[in-house]
Amino acid sequence: MSLRCLLCFKKSMIRPSVSGNAHFGKRVSRMKLWSSQLRLLTSQSWEPVPDLDYLSDPKNYEAIESNINSRKGTGSIKVFMELLSKYNSSQQPDKTELKKNILTEALKIPNKSDPRLHLYGDTPHVVETLGVKPDWTFPALEFHTITKELDLLRTDNLGNLTGPRSYYLIKELAELEQALIYFTVDALEKKGFTLYSVPDLLHSRLIESCGMDTKSERTQVYKLEPKFYGDICLSGTAEMALASYFSGSAVPVSELPIKMAAVSRCYRAETSNVQEERGIYRVHQFTKVEMFGVTSGETAASDALLEEFVAIQKELFSSLGLHYQLLDMPLHELGAPAYRKFDIEAWMPGRNMYGEISSASNCTDYQARRLNIQSIDSSDTQRFVHTVNGTACAVPRTLIALLETHQQSNGEVIIPTVLQPYLNGMERLQKPTRPFKMKWIKSKSPKMQSTS
């Protein structure tokens, strides 16, 4: 059986025709180059293209099975091979349903893993610890207490308004959120990132292609009512929209790597009853600045961009005066798309713990194969690209780390120097002279008028 016939994938369906373009190979305007050379494929070519040659090779069976078992147990190479065997031995003239089942099972199997991760066991590897850990003579307060005293946060009595784990950032705390966003975006643009404004509503197929399940009972994805809106979901991260921007497209090799950034709201249905994750640590909607990159299809290239993303994260968090540790995450902590993943955990003195504030992942060709994103060179040779993503600033947790780290004995909070220009020179968060108070109206049943 020809695996390429099984995929019904034809090279002729990619039609950039860039070899004769006068702009090819020159560093011209990215927007001009993409608009003239980047071609959308036909609807058929949007179909995912898993690496069936690798999956069907018996020599890879044990490695694939071990990788699945070491991660989150998603997918089964045994079921895949059984379906493949059934396809080969079937005498049915129409094997469409068998093809569909084979591809469905292939797409469940997670990405390959960096060989170095097998050395870590189940424990994250601490790569380095940076910044000065606060050592005070006064007891550290946690974020909720600090913001309550400063009248900057509301989390109570919101269940009937917006549901559980909701919050309002108020006055200077809302301004600090914007300052973090502008500071981060400015830093990324200086590093060569192009800023995008992305949609928060995406088709479920795009979200699944990026590695998030949308169909199980435990899905973290919010869905709109299909009866009225179709199969549309709320995006959990700008990474999904940025990756989908290239779906069904061929990108000139001369333009790689591409570095993109976006500010978006993120929606996640995940919940937690863990005491350490109280308050705004784990919420259903928040603002995040995301980094996303596209490289050539070599692991050396995507690894290099991953290292660049991590270096940027370290630079950002160090400039905010945080104490944090960089972790190389073990296999069982990797989602299906990740080949390798780094987490950054900041020290949160009020909680007396390290809390995750950022991550960065190399997804190699996992997303590119599912979204059919390829590169094309001057000889019209096509190859699946690699994608890399990283959190530049997840606002709620960064705010927690900032306020708990820079709190003072008098209840005030020192604002990091790098953020002050975005706050009209504000140096401290101080207690208000006139706290804003609301009086709750008690519900009263209307009196019935007597008819006698």
Foldseek 3Di string as FASTA:
>chain_A
DDVCVLLVDDLVQADQPCLPPPCALPPDDPVVCCVNRKDFGDPSLQAFFFPVVQLQPPVCQVVQQVLCVQAAVWADSVVLNVLVVCLVPDPDPDCPVSSVVNVVRRLRRFDAADPVLVVVRQDWDFPDWDFDDDDDPDAFAFPVVLCVQQVFKDQPPCCVPPHHLDMDGHDVRVLLLVLLVVLLVVLVVVVVAAEDEFDQKDAVLLVVLVFFDDPDPPGFWAADDCVPPNRITGAQDCQSRVLLVQFNIAAAQSPPKHKYKYKDKGATNDDDPDPLCPHNNDGGIFIFIKIKIKHALDPVTLVVVLVVQVVLLVVSVVLLRWIKTKTWGHSHPDGRQFNTKIWIWTQQSNSRDTHTWKMKGWRRQSSCSNRVYWYQYSVRDIDGITMMMMTNGGDPVVSRRQQSRQADPVSKGAGRPSSCVSVVNDGISDRDPDRDDDDDDDDDDDDDDDPD
